[in-house]
Amino acid sequence: MTSVIHSNLLSRPHMPFFSTPLRSLTLPGTRTLLALLGFLIGSGMVTLTAQDARSLEFKDGDRISFLGNSITHSGTYHSLLRRFYTTRYPDSTISLINCGISGDVAERMLHRAKKDVLSHNPEYTFLMVGMNDVGRELYFSGEAAADTIALRQKALDHYRKKTDTLVRLLVGSGTVPILMTPSIYEQTALLDSDNRYGVNDALARCAEHIRQLSRTYALPLIDLHAKMDSINSKRQQRDSTFTLVGEDRVHPGTPGHVVMAYEILKALGEPEYVSKVAIRTADKKVLTAINASVENIATDPGQIRFDLREGALPFVMDPEERKALDLVPFMARFNRQQLFLTDVPSGSYQLKIDGVPVGIYTHVALQKGIDLAQNTHTPQYAQALKVAAICDTYHEKESALRTIPLIAYAHLSDYQGDGSLDSKEKHLAKKLEQFQGKPWYGYFEREFATYIKIKPLENELKRELETLQQQLYDINTPKTHRYVFTRE
């Protein structure tokens, strides 16, 4: 497998981006109907009530794009969603497509939406934009001059205009936009990095505009800004250095992305159970079987046995991701793998699954129910780890591949050479000279080098992503497991 350079987008300095001047909607004719609906809504001839995101249900074959800036380009919230949907719905092939570009703004998204997003024919498009639109360089501690205040307002007005046009374009093109308010800028934590105080207040105004767009166009809304701001505020009352965002104050850290994924899944109304099974051992009766089937129940003195096949795998997290569990109840809300055994004789029982010891439980614990989702010894957990590893590899390669449209849209739009890679490399070298002595020089030097390295491998990388997608659905199928409880 070809190795590629992975862009370090999360540690980039502040820089200029430009270096050049519904499930039910799947019937034939849907995109035409949506286009007409977009026109009617935009003209004021039709007024709708905001759609609850919980009414959405992704189905087998759906393609879901994520349109955004660097927080989407290199962020992991959508990779966490891929991990969730791959393990929770193993029989439904759902494609999640990263359409983020580092440094992007609403106007640029509008410019590239047709070729870079809608070309994938997504049924749904998550949209998050704002961090770069507000003009972070216009904010600082202290009183601003009148002309600076005017520029801040101009940036917000431009954002409102372009996001409205972008949403109209998405609706009219047949995809269902799922609007997300922008993630927060860290302006209150005591960090060593430069603080552009006031940026988060500007983002709060952006968030209110996105809420209004949701109401105007009857679109699902996920209010990330309000939730992240609330968590930050509460935690900083105890720890002034706490932040959901990284040291650069812009890009959410890993726990921040877990919070974002949690809010998305909650808004979409995803179920809490991997599985829930209750067995009355006295008469070998299955009392409850949610997303599971139980067969071959047998009991002997001191032993209970049965075969269990679940319809999903547990959701696994690495240690850095688990730090978010103090912030949001992710496991309790979305990762419950419960097993209840009633009428079990008194004593302690060792559980083996497929012959592998996974724990010892008292009859009282079994009566109350045990949750195996976070038990690292189960074969289901081991299988889920393999799925997560492929999801992580997919994310790394897809993020690197996004460097190609980043450079193409932001730095090659005025290119007029013969199309060869050498010619483009010379063009980019001249662009790089413009950044000499600037704090973002090193960033662009790396990104231009990445583009030159991976552009010849573009088709190969896309094939690798297709292979990884297939591998995911080859290994995510739940298996039938033999459960044996033996009294010690």
Foldseek 3Di string as FASTA:
>chain_A
DDDFDFAPLQPFADDAQFLDVAPVQPDPPSLVVLLVLLVCLVVVVDFDAAAQLQRHDDFAPAEEEEEEAVLQLQNCLVLLVVLQCCFLALPGQYHYARLYYHLDALQLCLVCVVPRPCVVVGQEYEYEHDLNQQPLVLFAPDDDDPVSVVVSVVSLVVRLVSVLVSCSVCSSRNHAYAYEQYAAFDQQADAPDGHRPPSRVSSVVSLVSSVVSSNSSNHHYQYNHVLQVVLVVVVCVVPSHDHQCDRSRRHGDLLSSLSVSQSSCVSNPAAAEQWAWEAELVVRDTPDTGQKDKDDWDDDVQKTKIKMWGNGFFRDDDPVNCVNCVVDVCNRGHGFHKAAYPPDPFFKWFKDKQNWTQDIGTNVDNHVIDGCRHRCRDPSNVLSVVLSVLSVVLSSLSSLLSLQVSCCSRPCPVPDDPPDLVSVLVSLVVSLVVCVPPSSSVSSVVSSVSNSVCVVVNVVSVVVSVVSSVVSSVRSGTDIIMMMIGGD
